Each structure stands twice: as structure tokens, then as C-alpha cells.
Amino acid sequence: MGTATVPPHVRMINEIAVQFAHHPIQEAAAAIAAHLRAFWEPRMTAALLAHVDAGGAGLSPAAARAAELLRARQ
């Protein structure tokens, strides 16, 4: 997936994930999910979860795990 085709929500969650790259993946994913719950509007979260349902192309492992945590807490 080239940068021109990366949906904004994928680019944004991956950028957030970079900030937590020095943490173990579970800790990073929990922090990313907490950030999304606090700052993302529901449409952004819905778009992310729809992207995951469509295969999740382009998501970093921590971002994908964070999306799973978001879904589990809906």
C-alpha cells in the first residue's frame, strides 16, 4: 500500500504507534487504544474498524492490536 493510497485513519494510527514503539506490543496497543478512545471521534474509530474488517492492510502490529482492543471494549 503506497502512501498515496493509505487511508487517513491508517496513517494516523500508525503514526501514533511509532510513539509507543519502545514499549512491549501489548503495552503499546493499550496506550494506543486509550489515545484513540480519548481523542478520535466515533466516525474515525468506525472507519478504522471497517478497515480491519476488510483485512487491515497497512496497519502496524501494535496498531492492529489496538484496533482489536477498541473492538473488544465497544
N, C-alpha and C. Protein backbone atom coordinates (compact mmCIF):
# COMPACT_ATOMS: atom_id res chain seq x y z
N MET A 1 0.85 -1.17 0.00
CA MET A 1 0.00 0.00 0.00
C MET A 1 0.90 1.23 0.00
N GLY A 2 0.87 2.01 -1.07
CA GLY A 2 1.68 3.22 -1.16
C GLY A 2 1.11 4.32 -0.29
N THR A 3 1.93 5.33 -0.03
CA THR A 3 1.49 6.41 0.85
C THR A 3 0.31 7.17 0.28
N ALA A 4 0.18 7.22 -1.05
CA ALA A 4 -0.94 7.93 -1.66
C ALA A 4 -2.25 7.18 -1.45
N THR A 5 -2.19 5.89 -1.22
CA THR A 5 -3.40 5.09 -1.07
C THR A 5 -3.71 4.72 0.38
N VAL A 6 -2.90 5.17 1.31
CA VAL A 6 -3.13 4.86 2.72
C VAL A 6 -4.25 5.74 3.24
N PRO A 7 -5.33 5.13 3.74
CA PRO A 7 -6.41 5.92 4.31
C PRO A 7 -5.90 6.76 5.50
N PRO A 8 -6.50 7.92 5.72
CA PRO A 8 -6.03 8.80 6.80
C PRO A 8 -6.02 8.13 8.17
N HIS A 9 -7.03 7.32 8.49
CA HIS A 9 -7.07 6.68 9.81
C HIS A 9 -5.94 5.66 9.98
N VAL A 10 -5.53 5.02 8.89
CA VAL A 10 -4.40 4.08 8.97
C VAL A 10 -3.10 4.84 9.17
N ARG A 11 -2.91 5.91 8.40
CA ARG A 11 -1.71 6.73 8.56
C ARG A 11 -1.62 7.27 9.99
N MET A 12 -2.74 7.76 10.51
CA MET A 12 -2.73 8.37 11.84
C MET A 12 -2.45 7.35 12.94
N ILE A 13 -3.09 6.19 12.89
CA ILE A 13 -2.86 5.20 13.96
C ILE A 13 -1.43 4.67 13.89
N ASN A 14 -0.89 4.51 12.68
CA ASN A 14 0.50 4.07 12.56
C ASN A 14 1.46 5.13 13.11
N GLU A 15 1.15 6.41 12.90
CA GLU A 15 1.99 7.47 13.46
C GLU A 15 1.92 7.47 14.99
N ILE A 16 0.74 7.22 15.53
CA ILE A 16 0.61 7.11 16.99
C ILE A 16 1.41 5.90 17.48
N ALA A 17 1.33 4.80 16.76
CA ALA A 17 2.05 3.58 17.16
C ALA A 17 3.56 3.80 17.22
N VAL A 18 4.09 4.62 16.34
CA VAL A 18 5.53 4.91 16.35
C VAL A 18 5.94 5.51 17.70
N GLN A 19 5.07 6.31 18.29
CA GLN A 19 5.39 6.95 19.57
C GLN A 19 5.51 5.94 20.72
N PHE A 20 4.96 4.77 20.53
CA PHE A 20 4.98 3.73 21.57
C PHE A 20 5.83 2.53 21.18
N ALA A 21 6.63 2.67 20.14
CA ALA A 21 7.41 1.55 19.61
C ALA A 21 8.42 1.00 20.62
N HIS A 22 8.82 1.80 21.58
CA HIS A 22 9.81 1.35 22.57
C HIS A 22 9.17 0.52 23.69
N HIS A 23 7.85 0.37 23.67
CA HIS A 23 7.14 -0.43 24.67
C HIS A 23 6.85 -1.82 24.11
N PRO A 24 6.66 -2.80 24.98
CA PRO A 24 6.19 -4.11 24.51
C PRO A 24 4.86 -3.93 23.78
N ILE A 25 4.58 -4.79 22.83
CA ILE A 25 3.42 -4.60 21.95
C ILE A 25 2.11 -4.51 22.71
N GLN A 26 1.90 -5.31 23.73
CA GLN A 26 0.63 -5.26 24.47
C GLN A 26 0.47 -3.92 25.18
N GLU A 27 1.55 -3.44 25.78
CA GLU A 27 1.52 -2.15 26.46
C GLU A 27 1.31 -1.02 25.45
N ALA A 28 2.00 -1.11 24.33
CA ALA A 28 1.84 -0.10 23.27
C ALA A 28 0.41 -0.10 22.75
N ALA A 29 -0.14 -1.27 22.49
CA ALA A 29 -1.51 -1.36 21.97
C ALA A 29 -2.52 -0.78 22.95
N ALA A 30 -2.34 -1.04 24.23
CA ALA A 30 -3.25 -0.49 25.24
C ALA A 30 -3.16 1.04 25.27
N ALA A 31 -1.95 1.57 25.16
CA ALA A 31 -1.78 3.03 25.16
C ALA A 31 -2.37 3.65 23.90
N ILE A 32 -2.20 3.00 22.77
CA ILE A 32 -2.76 3.50 21.51
C ILE A 32 -4.29 3.48 21.59
N ALA A 33 -4.85 2.39 22.06
CA ALA A 33 -6.31 2.29 22.19
C ALA A 33 -6.84 3.37 23.13
N ALA A 34 -6.15 3.61 24.23
CA ALA A 34 -6.58 4.67 25.16
C ALA A 34 -6.54 6.03 24.48
N HIS A 35 -5.52 6.28 23.69
CA HIS A 35 -5.42 7.54 22.96
C HIS A 35 -6.59 7.69 21.99
N LEU A 36 -6.90 6.63 21.26
CA LEU A 36 -8.00 6.69 20.30
C LEU A 36 -9.33 6.93 20.99
N ARG A 37 -9.55 6.26 22.12
CA ARG A 37 -10.80 6.47 22.87
C ARG A 37 -10.92 7.91 23.34
N ALA A 38 -9.80 8.51 23.71
CA ALA A 38 -9.82 9.88 24.24
C ALA A 38 -9.94 10.94 23.16
N PHE A 39 -9.34 10.71 21.99
CA PHE A 39 -9.20 11.79 21.03
C PHE A 39 -9.87 11.58 19.68
N TRP A 40 -10.16 10.36 19.30
CA TRP A 40 -10.77 10.12 17.99
C TRP A 40 -12.28 10.20 18.11
N GLU A 41 -12.89 10.79 17.09
CA GLU A 41 -14.35 10.82 17.07
C GLU A 41 -14.85 9.46 16.59
N PRO A 42 -16.10 9.13 16.89
CA PRO A 42 -16.63 7.81 16.54
C PRO A 42 -16.51 7.45 15.06
N ARG A 43 -16.65 8.42 14.16
CA ARG A 43 -16.53 8.10 12.73
C ARG A 43 -15.13 7.60 12.38
N MET A 44 -14.11 8.17 13.03
CA MET A 44 -12.74 7.73 12.76
C MET A 44 -12.53 6.29 13.26
N THR A 45 -13.02 6.03 14.45
CA THR A 45 -12.91 4.68 15.01
C THR A 45 -13.67 3.68 14.15
N ALA A 46 -14.86 4.06 13.70
CA ALA A 46 -15.66 3.17 12.85
C ALA A 46 -14.92 2.89 11.54
N ALA A 47 -14.29 3.90 10.96
CA ALA A 47 -13.54 3.71 9.72
C ALA A 47 -12.36 2.77 9.95
N LEU A 48 -11.69 2.92 11.08
CA LEU A 48 -10.57 2.03 11.40
C LEU A 48 -11.05 0.59 11.53
N LEU A 49 -12.14 0.38 12.26
CA LEU A 49 -12.63 -0.98 12.46
C LEU A 49 -13.14 -1.58 11.16
N ALA A 50 -13.73 -0.78 10.30
CA ALA A 50 -14.14 -1.26 8.97
C ALA A 50 -12.92 -1.66 8.16
N HIS A 51 -11.85 -0.89 8.28
CA HIS A 51 -10.60 -1.21 7.59
C HIS A 51 -10.05 -2.55 8.09
N VAL A 52 -10.09 -2.75 9.39
CA VAL A 52 -9.64 -4.03 9.97
C VAL A 52 -10.50 -5.17 9.43
N ASP A 53 -11.81 -4.96 9.37
CA ASP A 53 -12.72 -5.99 8.86
C ASP A 53 -12.42 -6.33 7.40
N ALA A 54 -11.90 -5.35 6.67
CA ALA A 54 -11.57 -5.55 5.25
C ALA A 54 -10.17 -6.13 5.06
N GLY A 55 -9.50 -6.49 6.14
CA GLY A 55 -8.19 -7.11 6.05
C GLY A 55 -7.09 -6.37 6.77
N GLY A 56 -7.29 -5.09 7.07
CA GLY A 56 -6.34 -4.33 7.86
C GLY A 56 -5.02 -4.02 7.17
N ALA A 57 -5.03 -3.94 5.85
CA ALA A 57 -3.79 -3.67 5.10
C ALA A 57 -3.12 -2.40 5.59
N GLY A 58 -1.81 -2.50 5.80
CA GLY A 58 -1.01 -1.33 6.14
C GLY A 58 -0.90 -1.01 7.61
N LEU A 59 -1.65 -1.70 8.45
CA LEU A 59 -1.57 -1.42 9.89
C LEU A 59 -0.32 -2.07 10.50
N SER A 60 0.35 -1.32 11.36
CA SER A 60 1.47 -1.91 12.09
C SER A 60 0.90 -2.94 13.08
N PRO A 61 1.73 -3.86 13.56
CA PRO A 61 1.21 -4.86 14.52
C PRO A 61 0.61 -4.22 15.77
N ALA A 62 1.23 -3.19 16.31
CA ALA A 62 0.69 -2.54 17.51
C ALA A 62 -0.62 -1.84 17.19
N ALA A 63 -0.73 -1.23 16.02
CA ALA A 63 -1.97 -0.56 15.62
C ALA A 63 -3.09 -1.58 15.44
N ALA A 64 -2.78 -2.71 14.83
CA ALA A 64 -3.79 -3.75 14.63
C ALA A 64 -4.27 -4.29 15.97
N ARG A 65 -3.35 -4.48 16.89
CA ARG A 65 -3.74 -4.97 18.24
C ARG A 65 -4.57 -3.93 18.96
N ALA A 66 -4.23 -2.65 18.81
CA ALA A 66 -5.02 -1.58 19.43
C ALA A 66 -6.44 -1.59 18.89
N ALA A 67 -6.59 -1.82 17.60
CA ALA A 67 -7.93 -1.89 16.99
C ALA A 67 -8.72 -3.06 17.60
N GLU A 68 -8.07 -4.17 17.84
CA GLU A 68 -8.73 -5.31 18.48
C GLU A 68 -9.22 -4.92 19.87
N LEU A 69 -8.37 -4.20 20.61
CA LEU A 69 -8.75 -3.77 21.95
C LEU A 69 -9.93 -2.80 21.90
N LEU A 70 -9.93 -1.91 20.91
CA LEU A 70 -11.07 -0.99 20.76
C LEU A 70 -12.35 -1.76 20.51
N ARG A 71 -12.29 -2.73 19.62
CA ARG A 71 -13.48 -3.50 19.29
C ARG A 71 -13.98 -4.27 20.53
N ALA A 72 -13.08 -4.82 21.29
CA ALA A 72 -13.45 -5.61 22.45
C ALA A 72 -14.16 -4.77 23.52
N ARG A 73 -13.92 -3.47 23.49
CA ARG A 73 -14.48 -2.60 24.52
C ARG A 73 -15.68 -1.80 24.04
N GLN A 74 -16.20 -2.13 22.88
CA GLN A 74 -17.38 -1.41 22.37
C GLN A 74 -18.63 -1.89 23.02
